[in-house]
Amino acid sequence: MLTPQQAAPALLWPFKTLYYGWGVAATSMIMAFATVQLYGPVLSVFVKPIGDDMGWNRTEIAFAFTIGSFLGSMFTTAIGRFLDRHGARMVATLAAMFIAAMLLGLAIMQAPWHMWIFFGLARAVSIAGVQLGATVAVANWFIQKRGRAAAMGAFGQRFGQAVVPLMLLPLILGLSWRSAYVALSISTLLLAALPAFLFLRRRPEDYCMLPDGASPDGYRSEPPSPREVARAAVDSTPWTVREAFRTRAFWLIVVTMATISFAQTATNLHAAASFQEKGISFAASATIVFVFAMTSAISTFPWGWLIDRLHIRYVMMASATLYCASMFLIMNATTYLGAVAFGVVFGTAAGAWTLGFRLLIPNYFGRRSTGAIRGATAPIIAFIGPVGPTLGGAIRDITGDYELAFAIFAGVFALAFVAMAFAKPPTHRPIAPDELPVSA
């Protein structure tokens, strides 16, 4: 039988003694960084330049985001089972190539419906192909260390949202927003498509390994903790989609994912514009995007450590609480320091949520059916989550500011807290302690 080192995908992987799952996690981090242009914090720095240049209002621009979120949820339904069976390598590679082509389309768009098509399809494919693909890949390679491994992908996403707007500012101000989209197209090919093709693999069992780099002989230097036993039990008997549908926890998770997606993505998109309308300059508002995105990036690692030690529902309750607090801060922020305070609190909440969105399904229902069960949630989320960004833009266009929108979002975050408080983990077949593999 091949040793794990001999069986591991060797192409360009220099760390022969390191568990290959960390290579998958690192690849998810790079891919997440390379596709942040399709998320609210980065799009927010394009909102005013595109609006001023093209004469489009906020609702028209935000509608592209809504279309992308809706289609992304629907595509997730179609692609989830395929990812469980065949892995994410080719799906993520082709998705990244398609995104690069759509970004070139954005660079030459002339009408709102062009943006709806190009940005909408790019965001949809990013959600269903890149994000979900990386989520399924990491979940398959880790069980006990899943929080820390997923934190790498979450860090890439949030770090990109922090630094990419600042990297784009010289291009937007010195050349044009169209030039910025050309640069993003090239970077997507190099930093998303290429790493996905080279390094993503389906699951460790395909290469004579076990999740977490566990010892194949089953030797343990100490007894497993109750948390380890419980987590291994979830993965020992995979849930089917039908079984998950019959649990209360599944529907409460759907409520949480839909409501937080509704309010969080809208805030991501409109926060910078709301500060600009309160007198904060375009460049200064971009630094607020940096503050909350960088805070989110840094916080993903302690949140990941916590998720490996507490049940994920408690982390999600903490995230919802911080989100509520951030809405009151943004409604009352009239100075740059107030905006920074919002950024820190909102970013800390987002760090937990970025991990939660990736890990709620595998941590509740196991890694073998992550794609299928995530896909089953998508049609419901598709009709709730994507409405937030367009609703926020419409409220601003009607009332003249974002205050009512942010008040609504605070209530939505409170609903997510209640849902998680009642989302008690469902039970499946218990696992014996001697069935638990050992982490290397």
Protein backbone atom coordinates (compact mmCIF):
# COMPACT_ATOMS: atom_id res chain seq x y z
CA MET A 1 0.00 0.00 0.00
CA LEU A 2 1.22 3.50 -0.77
CA THR A 3 2.26 5.69 2.13
CA PRO A 4 0.37 8.98 2.52
CA GLN A 5 3.44 10.82 1.26
CA GLN A 6 3.61 8.66 -1.86
CA ALA A 7 -0.13 8.85 -2.47
CA ALA A 8 -0.52 12.58 -1.91
CA PRO A 9 -0.79 14.76 -5.03
CA ALA A 10 2.83 15.72 -5.50
CA LEU A 11 2.69 18.33 -8.26
CA LEU A 12 4.30 21.54 -6.99
CA TRP A 13 3.62 20.50 -3.37
CA PRO A 14 6.94 20.93 -1.56
CA PHE A 15 5.91 19.94 1.99
CA LYS A 16 6.10 16.17 1.73
CA THR A 17 5.77 15.53 5.47
CA LEU A 18 2.87 17.93 6.00
CA TYR A 19 -0.69 16.64 5.81
CA TYR A 20 -1.99 17.47 2.34
CA GLY A 21 -5.27 18.78 3.72
CA TRP A 22 -3.46 21.95 4.69
CA GLY A 23 -2.57 22.38 1.04
CA VAL A 24 -6.26 22.17 0.17
CA ALA A 25 -7.01 24.73 2.89
CA ALA A 26 -4.26 27.05 1.62
CA THR A 27 -5.63 26.74 -1.92
CA SER A 28 -9.08 27.71 -0.68
CA MET A 29 -7.52 30.79 0.91
CA ILE A 30 -5.86 31.90 -2.34
CA MET A 31 -9.01 31.26 -4.38
CA ALA A 32 -11.15 33.20 -1.91
CA PHE A 33 -8.76 36.15 -2.11
CA ALA A 34 -8.86 36.08 -5.92
CA THR A 35 -12.67 36.24 -6.18
CA VAL A 36 -13.50 38.95 -3.62
CA GLN A 37 -14.40 41.41 -6.39
CA LEU A 38 -17.80 39.72 -6.48
CA TYR A 39 -18.59 40.54 -2.84
CA GLY A 40 -20.11 43.67 -1.36
CA PRO A 41 -17.04 45.35 0.19
CA VAL A 42 -15.18 45.43 -3.14
CA LEU A 43 -18.22 46.24 -5.26
CA SER A 44 -18.97 49.11 -2.86
CA VAL A 45 -15.93 51.05 -4.09
CA PHE A 46 -17.26 50.74 -7.65
CA VAL A 47 -20.78 51.97 -6.80
CA LYS A 48 -20.13 55.71 -6.90
CA PRO A 49 -17.63 55.74 -9.84
CA ILE A 50 -19.96 53.61 -11.97
CA GLY A 51 -23.00 55.63 -10.91
CA ASP A 52 -21.31 58.96 -11.64
CA ASP A 53 -19.91 57.79 -14.98
CA MET A 54 -22.96 55.95 -16.29
CA GLY A 55 -25.76 57.87 -14.56
CA TRP A 56 -27.17 54.72 -12.89
CA ASN A 57 -28.87 54.86 -9.49
CA ARG A 58 -28.08 52.65 -6.52
CA THR A 59 -31.00 50.31 -7.10
CA GLU A 60 -29.87 49.56 -10.67
CA ILE A 61 -26.33 48.78 -9.52
CA ALA A 62 -27.39 46.76 -6.47
CA PHE A 63 -29.77 44.70 -8.60
CA ALA A 64 -26.76 43.05 -10.26
CA PHE A 65 -25.67 41.86 -6.82
CA THR A 66 -29.16 40.54 -6.10
CA ILE A 67 -29.29 38.64 -9.40
CA GLY A 68 -25.91 37.07 -8.67
CA SER A 69 -26.91 36.00 -5.18
CA PHE A 70 -30.19 34.52 -6.41
CA LEU A 71 -28.61 32.61 -9.29
CA GLY A 72 -25.74 31.50 -7.06
CA SER A 73 -28.21 29.86 -4.70
CA MET A 74 -29.98 28.14 -7.58
CA PHE A 75 -26.70 26.94 -9.11
CA THR A 76 -25.71 25.59 -5.69
CA THR A 77 -28.74 23.31 -5.78
CA ALA A 78 -27.61 21.84 -9.09
CA ILE A 79 -23.91 21.47 -8.29
CA GLY A 80 -23.97 20.29 -4.65
CA ARG A 81 -24.35 16.53 -5.23
CA PHE A 82 -21.76 16.60 -8.03
CA LEU A 83 -19.21 18.11 -5.65
CA ASP A 84 -19.88 15.41 -3.05
CA ARG A 85 -19.29 12.67 -5.61
CA HIS A 86 -16.53 14.03 -7.83
CA GLY A 87 -14.78 16.78 -5.86
CA ALA A 88 -14.23 20.45 -6.57
CA ARG A 89 -11.15 20.50 -8.79
CA MET A 90 -12.65 20.85 -12.27
CA VAL A 91 -15.75 22.73 -11.08
CA ALA A 92 -13.68 25.41 -9.34
CA THR A 93 -11.20 25.65 -12.22
CA LEU A 94 -13.87 26.14 -14.89
CA ALA A 95 -15.80 28.52 -12.62
CA ALA A 96 -12.75 30.75 -12.15
CA MET A 97 -12.14 30.85 -15.92
CA PHE A 98 -15.76 31.82 -16.52
CA ILE A 99 -15.54 34.56 -13.87
CA ALA A 100 -12.47 36.03 -15.60
CA ALA A 101 -14.44 36.26 -18.86
CA MET A 102 -17.38 37.98 -17.12
CA LEU A 103 -15.05 40.55 -15.55
CA LEU A 104 -13.87 41.49 -19.02
CA GLY A 105 -17.53 41.97 -19.91
CA LEU A 106 -17.90 44.39 -17.00
CA ALA A 107 -14.99 46.40 -18.35
CA ILE A 108 -16.90 47.13 -21.56
CA MET A 109 -20.52 47.31 -20.31
CA GLN A 110 -22.70 50.18 -21.49
CA ALA A 111 -26.13 49.57 -19.95
CA PRO A 112 -27.50 48.41 -16.57
CA TRP A 113 -28.64 45.12 -18.04
CA HIS A 114 -25.07 44.43 -19.12
CA MET A 115 -24.00 44.67 -15.47
CA TRP A 116 -26.89 42.48 -14.39
CA ILE A 117 -25.72 39.76 -16.78
CA PHE A 118 -21.95 40.00 -16.38
CA PHE A 119 -21.75 40.68 -12.65
CA GLY A 120 -24.77 38.51 -11.86
CA LEU A 121 -23.41 35.44 -13.64
CA ALA A 122 -19.90 35.97 -12.27
CA ARG A 123 -21.16 36.20 -8.68
CA ALA A 124 -23.46 33.21 -9.17
CA VAL A 125 -20.65 31.02 -10.49
CA SER A 126 -18.34 32.22 -7.73
CA ILE A 127 -20.86 31.22 -5.05
CA ALA A 128 -21.73 27.82 -6.52
CA GLY A 129 -18.40 26.89 -8.09
CA VAL A 130 -15.56 28.54 -6.18
CA GLN A 131 -16.96 29.16 -2.70
CA LEU A 132 -19.02 25.99 -2.36
CA GLY A 133 -16.33 23.92 -4.05
CA ALA A 134 -13.69 25.08 -1.59
CA THR A 135 -16.09 24.60 1.33
CA VAL A 136 -16.81 20.99 0.37
CA ALA A 137 -13.12 20.27 -0.25
CA VAL A 138 -11.98 21.59 3.14
CA ALA A 139 -14.86 19.88 4.97
CA ASN A 140 -13.86 16.56 3.39
CA TRP A 141 -10.23 16.82 4.49
CA PHE A 142 -10.90 17.81 8.12
CA ILE A 143 -13.20 16.89 11.02
CA GLN A 144 -11.63 17.80 14.38
CA LYS A 145 -9.54 20.64 12.91
CA ARG A 146 -12.23 21.85 10.51
CA GLY A 147 -12.66 25.23 12.17
CA ARG A 148 -8.98 26.10 11.90
CA ALA A 149 -8.75 24.80 8.33
CA ALA A 150 -11.86 26.70 7.21
CA ALA A 151 -10.45 29.82 8.85
CA MET A 152 -7.78 29.90 6.14
CA GLY A 153 -10.38 30.23 3.39
CA ALA A 154 -12.35 32.73 5.44
CA PHE A 155 -9.18 34.74 6.02
CA GLY A 156 -8.47 34.84 2.29
CA GLN A 157 -11.96 36.14 1.58
CA ARG A 158 -11.93 38.81 4.26
CA PHE A 159 -8.29 39.81 3.76
CA GLY A 160 -9.03 40.27 0.07
CA GLN A 161 -12.03 42.42 0.90
CA ALA A 162 -9.72 44.54 3.06
CA VAL A 163 -6.80 45.08 0.70
CA VAL A 164 -8.28 44.73 -2.79
CA PRO A 165 -10.33 47.97 -2.54
CA LEU A 166 -7.16 49.84 -1.55
CA MET A 167 -5.25 48.20 -4.41
CA LEU A 168 -8.00 49.20 -6.84
CA LEU A 169 -8.22 52.84 -5.73
CA PRO A 170 -5.14 54.00 -7.73
CA LEU A 171 -6.49 52.24 -10.82
CA ILE A 172 -10.00 53.68 -10.43
CA LEU A 173 -8.81 57.21 -9.63
CA GLY A 174 -5.81 57.24 -11.99
CA LEU A 175 -7.24 55.35 -14.94
CA SER A 176 -10.85 54.17 -14.68
CA TRP A 177 -13.10 51.60 -13.09
CA ARG A 178 -13.02 49.74 -16.42
CA SER A 179 -9.24 49.29 -16.17
CA ALA A 180 -9.72 47.92 -12.67
CA TYR A 181 -12.03 45.20 -13.97
CA VAL A 182 -9.47 44.18 -16.61
CA ALA A 183 -6.82 43.80 -13.90
CA LEU A 184 -9.23 41.73 -11.80
CA SER A 185 -9.90 39.41 -14.74
CA ILE A 186 -6.20 38.62 -15.11
CA SER A 187 -5.71 38.08 -11.38
CA THR A 188 -8.66 35.67 -11.26
CA LEU A 189 -7.03 33.41 -13.84
CA LEU A 190 -3.69 33.40 -12.06
CA LEU A 191 -4.87 33.16 -8.43
CA ALA A 192 -8.09 31.14 -8.69
CA ALA A 193 -8.19 28.97 -11.83
CA LEU A 194 -4.54 27.84 -11.73
CA PRO A 195 -4.34 26.90 -7.99
CA ALA A 196 -7.69 25.10 -8.17
CA PHE A 197 -6.47 22.92 -11.04
CA LEU A 198 -3.11 22.17 -9.42
CA PHE A 199 -4.03 21.53 -5.79
CA LEU A 200 -7.71 20.80 -5.11
CA ARG A 201 -8.52 17.14 -4.49
CA ARG A 202 -11.71 15.36 -3.43
CA ARG A 203 -11.03 13.71 -0.05
CA PRO A 204 -8.11 12.10 1.87
CA GLU A 205 -9.41 8.55 1.52
CA ASP A 206 -8.69 8.78 -2.22
CA TYR A 207 -4.97 9.04 -1.33
CA CYS A 208 -4.67 6.47 1.48
CA MET A 209 -5.08 9.13 4.18
CA LEU A 210 -7.59 9.95 6.91
CA PRO A 211 -9.20 13.30 7.81
CA ASP A 212 -7.05 15.65 9.92
CA GLY A 213 -3.95 13.61 9.08
CA ALA A 214 -5.12 10.98 11.58
CA SER A 215 -3.03 7.93 12.36
CA PRO A 216 -4.20 4.90 10.32
CA ASP A 217 -3.27 2.46 13.13
CA GLY A 218 -5.81 4.07 15.47
CA TYR A 219 -3.28 4.65 18.27
CA ARG A 220 -4.23 7.39 20.75
CA SER A 221 -1.92 8.84 23.39
CA GLU A 222 -4.97 9.97 25.40
CA PRO A 223 -8.72 9.26 25.42
CA PRO A 224 -10.88 11.35 23.08
CA SER A 225 -12.79 14.24 24.61
CA PRO A 226 -16.61 14.24 24.58
CA ARG A 227 -16.48 16.97 21.92
CA GLU A 228 -14.27 14.84 19.68
CA VAL A 229 -16.56 11.85 20.12
CA ALA A 230 -19.64 13.93 19.28
CA ARG A 231 -18.03 15.45 16.19
CA ALA A 232 -16.80 12.09 14.93
CA ALA A 233 -20.29 10.68 15.49
CA VAL A 234 -21.74 13.21 13.06
CA ASP A 235 -19.32 12.10 10.35
CA SER A 236 -19.57 8.37 11.08
CA THR A 237 -23.11 8.07 9.69
CA PRO A 238 -23.71 10.62 6.93
CA TRP A 239 -27.07 12.33 6.88
CA THR A 240 -29.10 12.22 3.71
CA VAL A 241 -30.94 15.27 2.46
CA ARG A 242 -34.27 13.67 3.38
CA GLU A 243 -33.08 12.94 6.92
CA ALA A 244 -31.82 16.50 7.33
CA PHE A 245 -35.16 17.88 6.13
CA ARG A 246 -36.91 16.08 8.99
CA THR A 247 -34.92 17.87 11.69
CA ARG A 248 -35.83 21.16 13.32
CA ALA A 249 -32.17 22.17 13.27
CA PHE A 250 -32.06 22.12 9.47
CA TRP A 251 -34.89 24.63 9.12
CA LEU A 252 -33.48 26.89 11.82
CA ILE A 253 -30.12 26.82 10.03
CA VAL A 254 -31.90 27.82 6.82
CA VAL A 255 -33.51 30.75 8.64
CA THR A 256 -30.12 31.81 10.00
CA MET A 257 -28.33 31.54 6.66
CA ALA A 258 -31.08 33.38 4.78
CA THR A 259 -31.54 36.22 7.26
CA ILE A 260 -27.86 36.92 7.83
CA SER A 261 -27.19 36.75 4.09
CA PHE A 262 -30.07 39.20 3.59
CA ALA A 263 -28.71 41.82 5.99
CA GLN A 264 -24.95 41.23 5.87
CA THR A 265 -24.50 41.36 2.12
CA ALA A 266 -26.65 44.49 1.93
CA THR A 267 -24.54 46.20 4.60
CA ASN A 268 -21.34 45.13 2.84
CA LEU A 269 -22.57 46.78 -0.34
CA HIS A 270 -24.01 50.00 1.04
CA ALA A 271 -21.81 50.83 4.04
CA ALA A 272 -19.21 52.83 2.12
CA ALA A 273 -21.87 54.76 0.19
CA SER A 274 -23.73 55.59 3.41
CA PHE A 275 -20.59 57.05 4.96
CA GLN A 276 -19.92 59.09 1.83
CA GLU A 277 -23.39 60.61 2.16
CA LYS A 278 -22.57 61.61 5.74
CA GLY A 279 -19.62 63.68 4.55
CA ILE A 280 -16.81 61.14 4.67
CA SER A 281 -14.69 61.28 1.52
CA PHE A 282 -14.55 58.53 -1.10
CA ALA A 283 -11.00 57.56 -0.12
CA ALA A 284 -11.78 57.64 3.62
CA SER A 285 -14.89 55.51 3.15
CA ALA A 286 -12.74 52.93 1.37
CA THR A 287 -10.56 52.75 4.48
CA ILE A 288 -13.67 51.85 6.50
CA VAL A 289 -14.14 48.92 4.13
CA PHE A 290 -10.52 48.06 4.92
CA VAL A 291 -11.17 48.28 8.68
CA PHE A 292 -14.13 45.93 8.79
CA ALA A 293 -12.71 43.52 6.23
CA MET A 294 -9.30 43.36 7.93
CA THR A 295 -10.91 42.98 11.36
CA SER A 296 -12.96 40.15 9.91
CA ALA A 297 -9.87 38.53 8.40
CA ILE A 298 -7.88 38.67 11.63
CA SER A 299 -10.80 37.42 13.72
CA THR A 300 -11.36 34.31 11.60
CA PHE A 301 -8.50 32.46 13.29
CA PRO A 302 -9.68 32.89 16.91
CA TRP A 303 -13.23 32.16 15.75
CA GLY A 304 -11.97 29.00 14.04
CA TRP A 305 -10.18 27.97 17.24
CA LEU A 306 -13.44 28.51 19.16
CA ILE A 307 -15.50 26.51 16.65
CA ASP A 308 -13.15 23.56 17.18
CA ARG A 309 -13.89 23.75 20.92
CA LEU A 310 -17.53 24.89 21.15
CA HIS A 311 -20.55 23.94 19.14
CA ILE A 312 -20.90 26.24 16.17
CA ARG A 313 -24.37 27.44 17.23
CA TYR A 314 -22.88 29.42 20.12
CA VAL A 315 -20.42 31.15 17.80
CA MET A 316 -23.29 32.04 15.45
CA MET A 317 -25.29 33.51 18.33
CA ALA A 318 -22.30 35.68 19.23
CA SER A 319 -21.99 36.75 15.60
CA ALA A 320 -25.66 37.77 15.40
CA THR A 321 -25.33 39.80 18.61
CA LEU A 322 -22.33 41.71 17.27
CA TYR A 323 -24.14 42.31 13.97
CA CYS A 324 -27.06 43.89 15.84
CA ALA A 325 -24.70 46.16 17.74
CA SER A 326 -22.98 47.21 14.51
CA MET A 327 -26.30 48.37 13.01
CA PHE A 328 -26.84 50.79 15.88
CA LEU A 329 -23.29 52.04 15.41
CA ILE A 330 -23.67 52.67 11.68
CA MET A 331 -26.97 54.49 12.17
CA ASN A 332 -25.35 56.85 14.68
CA ALA A 333 -21.91 57.21 13.07
CA THR A 334 -21.47 60.81 11.93
CA THR A 335 -17.68 61.00 12.25
CA TYR A 336 -14.79 59.00 10.90
CA LEU A 337 -14.07 57.54 14.36
CA GLY A 338 -17.67 56.42 14.64
CA ALA A 339 -17.38 54.75 11.26
CA VAL A 340 -14.20 52.98 12.43
CA ALA A 341 -16.04 51.70 15.52
CA PHE A 342 -18.72 50.27 13.24
CA GLY A 343 -16.02 48.64 11.12
CA VAL A 344 -14.41 46.88 14.07
CA VAL A 345 -17.67 45.47 15.48
CA PHE A 346 -19.16 44.56 12.10
CA GLY A 347 -15.87 42.99 11.02
CA THR A 348 -15.64 40.84 14.16
CA ALA A 349 -19.17 39.58 13.54
CA ALA A 350 -18.39 38.93 9.88
CA GLY A 351 -15.34 36.87 10.79
CA ALA A 352 -17.54 34.44 12.70
CA TRP A 353 -20.24 34.44 10.03
CA THR A 354 -17.80 33.75 7.19
CA LEU A 355 -16.83 30.55 8.98
CA GLY A 356 -20.40 29.78 9.99
CA PHE A 357 -21.70 29.92 6.44
CA ARG A 358 -19.04 27.41 5.43
CA LEU A 359 -19.33 25.08 8.45
CA LEU A 360 -22.93 25.04 9.67
CA ILE A 361 -23.92 22.18 7.35
CA PRO A 362 -20.85 19.91 7.75
CA ASN A 363 -20.72 20.46 11.53
CA TYR A 364 -24.41 19.60 11.93
CA PHE A 365 -24.79 16.88 9.28
CA GLY A 366 -21.32 15.56 8.39
CA ARG A 367 -18.88 15.99 5.52
CA ARG A 368 -20.14 13.32 3.11
CA SER A 369 -23.31 15.20 2.16
CA THR A 370 -22.20 18.80 2.60
CA GLY A 371 -22.74 19.72 -1.04
CA ALA A 372 -26.14 18.03 -1.34
CA ILE A 373 -27.55 19.47 1.89
CA ARG A 374 -26.15 22.93 1.16
CA GLY A 375 -27.76 22.63 -2.25
CA ALA A 376 -31.07 21.76 -0.61
CA THR A 377 -30.99 24.99 1.41
CA ALA A 378 -30.29 27.10 -1.65
CA PRO A 379 -33.77 27.48 -3.19
CA ILE A 380 -35.11 28.84 0.08
CA ILE A 381 -32.18 31.19 0.64
CA ALA A 382 -32.41 32.30 -2.98
CA PHE A 383 -35.73 34.04 -2.37
CA ILE A 384 -34.67 35.79 0.86
CA GLY A 385 -30.93 36.53 1.00
CA PRO A 386 -30.52 38.32 -2.35
CA VAL A 387 -33.34 40.79 -1.62
CA GLY A 388 -31.31 42.66 0.99
CA PRO A 389 -28.92 44.63 -1.27
CA THR A 390 -31.65 45.79 -3.64
CA LEU A 391 -34.01 46.61 -0.77
CA GLY A 392 -31.28 48.67 0.88
CA GLY A 393 -30.70 50.60 -2.34
CA ALA A 394 -34.44 51.10 -2.90
CA ILE A 395 -35.00 52.39 0.65
CA ARG A 396 -32.16 54.87 0.17
CA ASP A 397 -33.55 56.05 -3.18
CA ILE A 398 -37.03 56.52 -1.67
CA THR A 399 -36.17 58.01 1.73
CA GLY A 400 -32.90 59.74 0.85
CA ASP A 401 -30.76 57.83 3.38
CA TYR A 402 -30.03 54.35 4.71
CA GLU A 403 -31.34 54.73 8.28
CA LEU A 404 -34.54 52.71 7.84
CA ALA A 405 -32.66 49.99 5.98
CA PHE A 406 -30.11 49.55 8.77
CA ALA A 407 -32.89 49.46 11.39
CA ILE A 408 -34.56 46.64 9.46
CA PHE A 409 -31.25 44.81 9.22
CA ALA A 410 -30.83 45.02 13.03
CA GLY A 411 -34.15 43.23 13.45
CA VAL A 412 -33.13 40.60 10.92
CA PHE A 413 -29.91 39.86 12.81
CA ALA A 414 -31.93 39.50 16.02
CA LEU A 415 -34.09 36.89 14.29
CA ALA A 416 -30.96 34.94 13.36
CA PHE A 417 -29.89 34.94 17.03
CA VAL A 418 -33.23 33.43 18.07
CA ALA A 419 -33.04 30.77 15.34
CA MET A 420 -29.59 29.63 16.45
CA ALA A 421 -30.62 29.63 20.12
CA PHE A 422 -33.20 26.96 19.30
CA ALA A 423 -31.09 24.99 16.76
CA LYS A 424 -30.21 22.10 19.06
CA PRO A 425 -28.01 19.56 17.22
CA PRO A 426 -30.03 16.56 16.04
CA THR A 427 -28.94 13.08 17.06
CA HIS A 428 -27.86 10.24 14.82
CA ARG A 429 -26.13 6.96 15.66
CA PRO A 430 -23.63 7.35 18.54
CA ILE A 431 -19.99 6.40 17.96
CA ALA A 432 -17.79 4.41 20.30
CA PRO A 433 -14.56 6.11 21.51
CA ASP A 434 -12.36 3.42 19.91
CA GLU A 435 -13.85 4.27 16.50
CA LEU A 436 -12.37 7.77 16.61
CA PRO A 437 -9.21 8.23 14.49
CA VAL A 438 -6.26 10.03 16.00
CA SER A 439 -4.99 13.38 14.78
CA ALA A 440 -1.35 13.42 13.79
